[in-house]
Amino acid sequence: MHSQEDFHSAATPEFLAFLEDEVHQEPKPLTRAPIQGWIQVAFWGLRIYIAVMLIMVAIGFARGIH
């Protein structure tokens, strides 16, 4: 187990050099990954499932009101 002093020690020169390099970099833009094949089919299946479930809930709610 580490002693209490290990967690409060000063930063090493290597870490400070790394931090200096990283601080001045611009973030890279995020792009969407292309979705192809069976993953696209699975997503369409989920969309259809959600639409059917919403319709079933609406029917159940409408019948429950009467």
PDB file of N, CA and C in Angstrom:
ATOM      1  N   MET A   1       0.845  -1.183   0.000  1.00  0.00           N
ATOM      2  CA  MET A   1       0.000   0.000   0.000  1.00  0.00           C
ATOM      3  C   MET A   1       0.883   1.235   0.000  1.00  0.00           C
ATOM      4  N   HIS A   2       0.413   2.271  -0.649  1.00  0.00           N
ATOM      5  CA  HIS A   2       1.188   3.507  -0.720  1.00  0.00           C
ATOM      6  C   HIS A   2       1.032   4.295   0.572  1.00  0.00           C
ATOM      7  N   SER A   3       2.084   4.962   0.931  1.00  0.00           N
ATOM      8  CA  SER A   3       1.981   5.832   2.100  1.00  0.00           C
ATOM      9  C   SER A   3       1.283   7.122   1.702  1.00  0.00           C
ATOM     10  N   GLN A   4       0.863   7.885   2.668  1.00  0.00           N
ATOM     11  CA  GLN A   4       0.142   9.130   2.422  1.00  0.00           C
ATOM     12  C   GLN A   4       1.013  10.116   1.641  1.00  0.00           C
ATOM     13  N   GLU A   5       2.319  10.081   1.852  1.00  0.00           N
ATOM     14  CA  GLU A   5       3.221  11.007   1.185  1.00  0.00           C
ATOM     15  C   GLU A   5       3.259  10.784  -0.327  1.00  0.00           C
ATOM     16  N   ASP A   6       3.062   9.559  -0.796  1.00  0.00           N
ATOM     17  CA  ASP A   6       3.117   9.272  -2.227  1.00  0.00           C
ATOM     18  C   ASP A   6       2.036  10.007  -3.004  1.00  0.00           C
ATOM     19  N   PHE A   7       0.901  10.240  -2.398  1.00  0.00           N
ATOM     20  CA  PHE A   7      -0.208  10.872  -3.097  1.00  0.00           C
ATOM     21  C   PHE A   7      -0.073  12.382  -3.149  1.00  0.00           C
ATOM     22  N   HIS A   8       0.774  12.944  -2.335  1.00  0.00           N
ATOM     23  CA  HIS A   8       0.930  14.398  -2.293  1.00  0.00           C
ATOM     24  C   HIS A   8       2.314  14.839  -2.742  1.00  0.00           C
ATOM     25  N   SER A   9       3.045  13.995  -3.436  1.00  0.00           N
ATOM     26  CA  SER A   9       4.383  14.347  -3.875  1.00  0.00           C
ATOM     27  C   SER A   9       4.306  15.328  -5.045  1.00  0.00           C
ATOM     28  N   ALA A  10       5.404  16.003  -5.309  1.00  0.00           N
ATOM     29  CA  ALA A  10       5.463  16.994  -6.376  1.00  0.00           C
ATOM     30  C   ALA A  10       5.442  16.299  -7.736  1.00  0.00           C
ATOM     31  N   ALA A  11       4.984  17.030  -8.741  1.00  0.00           N
ATOM     32  CA  ALA A  11       4.929  16.494 -10.098  1.00  0.00           C
ATOM     33  C   ALA A  11       6.346  16.314 -10.643  1.00  0.00           C
ATOM     34  N   THR A  12       6.543  15.273 -11.411  1.00  0.00           N
ATOM     35  CA  THR A  12       7.858  14.991 -11.991  1.00  0.00           C
ATOM     36  C   THR A  12       8.086  15.881 -13.206  1.00  0.00           C
ATOM     37  N   PRO A  13       9.327  16.122 -13.571  1.00  0.00           N
ATOM     38  CA  PRO A  13       9.598  16.934 -14.774  1.00  0.00           C
ATOM     39  C   PRO A  13       9.004  16.312 -16.032  1.00  0.00           C
ATOM     40  N   GLU A  14       8.992  14.974 -16.123  1.00  0.00           N
ATOM     41  CA  GLU A  14       8.411  14.325 -17.297  1.00  0.00           C
ATOM     42  C   GLU A  14       6.923  14.620 -17.416  1.00  0.00           C
ATOM     43  N   PHE A  15       6.223  14.574 -16.261  1.00  0.00           N
ATOM     44  CA  PHE A  15       4.793  14.866 -16.286  1.00  0.00           C
ATOM     45  C   PHE A  15       4.547  16.320 -16.654  1.00  0.00           C
ATOM     46  N   LEU A  16       5.346  17.230 -16.129  1.00  0.00           N
ATOM     47  CA  LEU A  16       5.168  18.649 -16.455  1.00  0.00           C
ATOM     48  C   LEU A  16       5.418  18.906 -17.941  1.00  0.00           C
ATOM     49  N   ALA A  17       6.407  18.220 -18.539  1.00  0.00           N
ATOM     50  CA  ALA A  17       6.658  18.365 -19.975  1.00  0.00           C
ATOM     51  C   ALA A  17       5.482  17.820 -20.774  1.00  0.00           C
ATOM     52  N   PHE A  18       4.957  16.674 -20.359  1.00  0.00           N
ATOM     53  CA  PHE A  18       3.785  16.092 -21.023  1.00  0.00           C
ATOM     54  C   PHE A  18       2.593  17.037 -20.928  1.00  0.00           C
ATOM     55  N   LEU A  19       2.360  17.584 -19.743  1.00  0.00           N
ATOM     56  CA  LEU A  19       1.234  18.492 -19.529  1.00  0.00           C
ATOM     57  C   LEU A  19       1.376  19.745 -20.376  1.00  0.00           C
ATOM     58  N   GLU A  20       2.567  20.270 -20.477  1.00  0.00           N
ATOM     59  CA  GLU A  20       2.806  21.462 -21.290  1.00  0.00           C
ATOM     60  C   GLU A  20       2.482  21.196 -22.757  1.00  0.00           C
ATOM     61  N   ASP A  21       2.855  20.007 -23.262  1.00  0.00           N
ATOM     62  CA  ASP A  21       2.555  19.654 -24.651  1.00  0.00           C
ATOM     63  C   ASP A  21       1.061  19.492 -24.876  1.00  0.00           C
ATOM     64  N   GLU A  22       0.363  18.886 -23.940  1.00  0.00           N
ATOM     65  CA  GLU A  22      -1.057  18.577 -24.107  1.00  0.00           C
ATOM     66  C   GLU A  22      -1.955  19.796 -23.945  1.00  0.00           C
ATOM     67  N   VAL A  23      -1.566  20.738 -23.129  1.00  0.00           N
ATOM     68  CA  VAL A  23      -2.421  21.890 -22.839  1.00  0.00           C
ATOM     69  C   VAL A  23      -2.599  22.772 -24.072  1.00  0.00           C
ATOM     70  N   HIS A  24      -1.584  22.863 -24.909  1.00  0.00           N
ATOM     71  CA  HIS A  24      -1.634  23.790 -26.031  1.00  0.00           C
ATOM     72  C   HIS A  24      -2.171  23.156 -27.311  1.00  0.00           C
ATOM     73  N   GLN A  25      -2.621  21.941 -27.260  1.00  0.00           N
ATOM     74  CA  GLN A  25      -3.156  21.298 -28.454  1.00  0.00           C
ATOM     75  C   GLN A  25      -4.644  21.581 -28.585  1.00  0.00           C
ATOM     76  N   GLU A  26      -5.078  21.739 -29.826  1.00  0.00           N
ATOM     77  CA  GLU A  26      -6.501  21.940 -30.105  1.00  0.00           C
ATOM     78  C   GLU A  26      -7.188  20.578 -30.148  1.00  0.00           C
ATOM     79  N   PRO A  27      -8.420  20.501 -29.653  1.00  0.00           N
ATOM     80  CA  PRO A  27      -9.122  19.214 -29.723  1.00  0.00           C
ATOM     81  C   PRO A  27      -9.448  18.850 -31.167  1.00  0.00           C
ATOM     82  N   LYS A  28      -9.416  17.577 -31.452  1.00  0.00           N
ATOM     83  CA  LYS A  28      -9.726  17.108 -32.800  1.00  0.00           C
ATOM     84  C   LYS A  28     -11.241  17.092 -32.984  1.00  0.00           C
ATOM     85  N   PRO A  29     -11.732  17.464 -34.157  1.00  0.00           N
ATOM     86  CA  PRO A  29     -13.176  17.450 -34.385  1.00  0.00           C
ATOM     87  C   PRO A  29     -13.708  16.014 -34.379  1.00  0.00           C
ATOM     88  N   LEU A  30     -14.895  15.867 -33.847  1.00  0.00           N
ATOM     89  CA  LEU A  30     -15.529  14.553 -33.795  1.00  0.00           C
ATOM     90  C   LEU A  30     -16.314  14.317 -35.076  1.00  0.00           C
ATOM     91  N   THR A  31     -16.227  13.110 -35.585  1.00  0.00           N
ATOM     92  CA  THR A  31     -16.995  12.738 -36.771  1.00  0.00           C
ATOM     93  C   THR A  31     -17.743  11.446 -36.478  1.00  0.00           C
ATOM     94  N   ARG A  32     -18.834  11.257 -37.173  1.00  0.00           N
ATOM     95  CA  ARG A  32     -19.609  10.025 -37.001  1.00  0.00           C
ATOM     96  C   ARG A  32     -18.972   8.888 -37.778  1.00  0.00           C
ATOM     97  N   ALA A  33     -18.984   7.739 -37.167  1.00  0.00           N
ATOM     98  CA  ALA A  33     -18.490   6.547 -37.856  1.00  0.00           C
ATOM     99  C   ALA A  33     -19.580   6.051 -38.798  1.00  0.00           C
ATOM    100  N   PRO A  34     -19.227   5.590 -39.982  1.00  0.00           N
ATOM    101  CA  PRO A  34     -20.247   5.068 -40.890  1.00  0.00           C
ATOM    102  C   PRO A  34     -20.852   3.772 -40.329  1.00  0.00           C
ATOM    103  N   ILE A  35     -22.175   3.699 -40.396  1.00  0.00           N
ATOM    104  CA  ILE A  35     -22.887   2.512 -39.909  1.00  0.00           C
ATOM    105  C   ILE A  35     -23.290   1.693 -41.129  1.00  0.00           C
ATOM    106  N   GLN A  36     -22.828   0.461 -41.170  1.00  0.00           N
ATOM    107  CA  GLN A  36     -23.090  -0.368 -42.337  1.00  0.00           C
ATOM    108  C   GLN A  36     -23.484  -1.768 -41.909  1.00  0.00           C
ATOM    109  N   GLY A  37     -24.062  -2.484 -42.866  1.00  0.00           N
ATOM    110  CA  GLY A  37     -24.332  -3.902 -42.675  1.00  0.00           C
ATOM    111  C   GLY A  37     -25.376  -4.202 -41.623  1.00  0.00           C
ATOM    112  N   TRP A  38     -25.106  -5.239 -40.827  1.00  0.00           N
ATOM    113  CA  TRP A  38     -26.090  -5.729 -39.862  1.00  0.00           C
ATOM    114  C   TRP A  38     -26.339  -4.725 -38.749  1.00  0.00           C
ATOM    115  N   ILE A  39     -25.404  -3.817 -38.497  1.00  0.00           N
ATOM    116  CA  ILE A  39     -25.621  -2.802 -37.461  1.00  0.00           C
ATOM    117  C   ILE A  39     -26.736  -1.854 -37.892  1.00  0.00           C
ATOM    118  N   GLN A  40     -26.738  -1.488 -39.158  1.00  0.00           N
ATOM    119  CA  GLN A  40     -27.789  -0.617 -39.670  1.00  0.00           C
ATOM    120  C   GLN A  40     -29.145  -1.326 -39.600  1.00  0.00           C
ATOM    121  N   VAL A  41     -29.169  -2.611 -39.911  1.00  0.00           N
ATOM    122  CA  VAL A  41     -30.409  -3.391 -39.821  1.00  0.00           C
ATOM    123  C   VAL A  41     -30.884  -3.446 -38.370  1.00  0.00           C
ATOM    124  N   ALA A  42     -29.959  -3.632 -37.443  1.00  0.00           N
ATOM    125  CA  ALA A  42     -30.328  -3.691 -36.023  1.00  0.00           C
ATOM    126  C   ALA A  42     -30.917  -2.363 -35.563  1.00  0.00           C
ATOM    127  N   PHE A  43     -30.331  -1.234 -35.987  1.00  0.00           N
ATOM    128  CA  PHE A  43     -30.866   0.072 -35.603  1.00  0.00           C
ATOM    129  C   PHE A  43     -32.259   0.301 -36.178  1.00  0.00           C
ATOM    130  N   TRP A  44     -32.481  -0.117 -37.433  1.00  0.00           N
ATOM    131  CA  TRP A  44     -33.821   0.018 -37.996  1.00  0.00           C
ATOM    132  C   TRP A  44     -34.811  -0.881 -37.250  1.00  0.00           C
ATOM    133  N   GLY A  45     -34.366  -2.067 -36.860  1.00  0.00           N
ATOM    134  CA  GLY A  45     -35.218  -2.946 -36.069  1.00  0.00           C
ATOM    135  C   GLY A  45     -35.597  -2.316 -34.738  1.00  0.00           C
ATOM    136  N   LEU A  46     -34.644  -1.651 -34.093  1.00  0.00           N
ATOM    137  CA  LEU A  46     -34.947  -0.966 -32.827  1.00  0.00           C
ATOM    138  C   LEU A  46     -35.942   0.171 -33.034  1.00  0.00           C
ATOM    139  N   ARG A  47     -35.773   0.907 -34.127  1.00  0.00           N
ATOM    140  CA  ARG A  47     -36.728   2.002 -34.404  1.00  0.00           C
ATOM    141  C   ARG A  47     -38.137   1.464 -34.598  1.00  0.00           C
ATOM    142  N   ILE A  48     -38.252   0.370 -35.362  1.00  0.00           N
ATOM    143  CA  ILE A  48     -39.573  -0.237 -35.589  1.00  0.00           C
ATOM    144  C   ILE A  48     -40.145  -0.758 -34.284  1.00  0.00           C
ATOM    145  N   TYR A  49     -39.321  -1.409 -33.456  1.00  0.00           N
ATOM    146  CA  TYR A  49     -39.769  -1.928 -32.159  1.00  0.00           C
ATOM    147  C   TYR A  49     -40.284  -0.799 -31.271  1.00  0.00           C
ATOM    148  N   ILE A  50     -39.567   0.309 -31.219  1.00  0.00           N
ATOM    149  CA  ILE A  50     -39.997   1.440 -30.387  1.00  0.00           C
ATOM    150  C   ILE A  50     -41.312   2.008 -30.899  1.00  0.00           C
ATOM    151  N   ALA A  51     -41.453   2.122 -32.232  1.00  0.00           N
ATOM    152  CA  ALA A  51     -42.705   2.648 -32.791  1.00  0.00           C
ATOM    153  C   ALA A  51     -43.876   1.725 -32.455  1.00  0.00           C
ATOM    154  N   VAL A  52     -43.687   0.414 -32.576  1.00  0.00           N
ATOM    155  CA  VAL A  52     -44.757  -0.538 -32.256  1.00  0.00           C
ATOM    156  C   VAL A  52     -45.107  -0.461 -30.770  1.00  0.00           C
ATOM    157  N   MET A  53     -44.110  -0.361 -29.901  1.00  0.00           N
ATOM    158  CA  MET A  53     -44.375  -0.274 -28.459  1.00  0.00           C
ATOM    159  C   MET A  53     -45.134   1.007 -28.116  1.00  0.00           C
ATOM    160  N   LEU A  54     -44.775   2.118 -28.765  1.00  0.00           N
ATOM    161  CA  LEU A  54     -45.504   3.365 -28.514  1.00  0.00           C
ATOM    162  C   LEU A  54     -46.961   3.247 -28.954  1.00  0.00           C
ATOM    163  N   ILE A  55     -47.203   2.597 -30.085  1.00  0.00           N
ATOM    164  CA  ILE A  55     -48.576   2.388 -30.551  1.00  0.00           C
ATOM    165  C   ILE A  55     -49.332   1.506 -29.567  1.00  0.00           C
ATOM    166  N   MET A  56     -48.696   0.446 -29.080  1.00  0.00           N
ATOM    167  CA  MET A  56     -49.360  -0.442 -28.121  1.00  0.00           C
ATOM    168  C   MET A  56     -49.671   0.271 -26.807  1.00  0.00           C
ATOM    169  N   VAL A  57     -48.774   1.120 -26.347  1.00  0.00           N
ATOM    170  CA  VAL A  57     -49.031   1.889 -25.124  1.00  0.00           C
ATOM    171  C   VAL A  57     -50.176   2.859 -25.358  1.00  0.00           C
ATOM    172  N   ALA A  58     -50.208   3.508 -26.513  1.00  0.00           N
ATOM    173  CA  ALA A  58     -51.290   4.443 -26.813  1.00  0.00           C
ATOM    174  C   ALA A  58     -52.631   3.717 -26.862  1.00  0.00           C
ATOM    175  N   ILE A  59     -52.685   2.534 -27.475  1.00  0.00           N
ATOM    176  CA  ILE A  59     -53.920   1.754 -27.528  1.00  0.00           C
ATOM    177  C   ILE A  59     -54.343   1.338 -26.119  1.00  0.00           C
ATOM    178  N   GLY A  60     -53.394   0.844 -25.333  1.00  0.00           N
ATOM    179  CA  GLY A  60     -53.707   0.450 -23.964  1.00  0.00           C
ATOM    180  C   GLY A  60     -54.195   1.623 -23.137  1.00  0.00           C
ATOM    181  N   PHE A  61     -53.577   2.776 -23.308  1.00  0.00           N
ATOM    182  CA  PHE A  61     -53.998   3.961 -22.556  1.00  0.00           C
ATOM    183  C   PHE A  61     -55.386   4.413 -22.993  1.00  0.00           C
ATOM    184  N   ALA A  62     -55.648   4.377 -24.317  1.00  0.00           N
ATOM    185  CA  ALA A  62     -56.961   4.782 -24.819  1.00  0.00           C
ATOM    186  C   ALA A  62     -58.064   3.843 -24.329  1.00  0.00           C
ATOM    187  N   ARG A  63     -57.802   2.551 -24.279  1.00  0.00           N
ATOM    188  CA  ARG A  63     -58.798   1.598 -23.783  1.00  0.00           C
ATOM    189  C   ARG A  63     -58.984   1.712 -22.277  1.00  0.00           C
ATOM    190  N   GLY A  64     -57.948   2.106 -21.569  1.00  0.00           N
ATOM    191  CA  GLY A  64     -58.040   2.239 -20.116  1.00  0.00           C
ATOM    192  C   GLY A  64     -58.849   3.438 -19.677  1.00  0.00           C
ATOM    193  N   ILE A  65     -58.935   4.450 -20.526  1.00  0.00           N
ATOM    194  CA  ILE A  65     -59.699   5.651 -20.183  1.00  0.00           C
ATOM    195  C   ILE A  65     -61.197   5.355 -20.188  1.00  0.00           C
ATOM    196  N   HIS A  66     -61.660   4.526 -21.096  1.00  0.00           N
ATOM    197  CA  HIS A  66     -63.107   4.255 -21.214  1.00  0.00           C
ATOM    198  C   HIS A  66     -63.597   3.341 -20.134  1.00  0.00           C
TER     199      HIS A  66
END
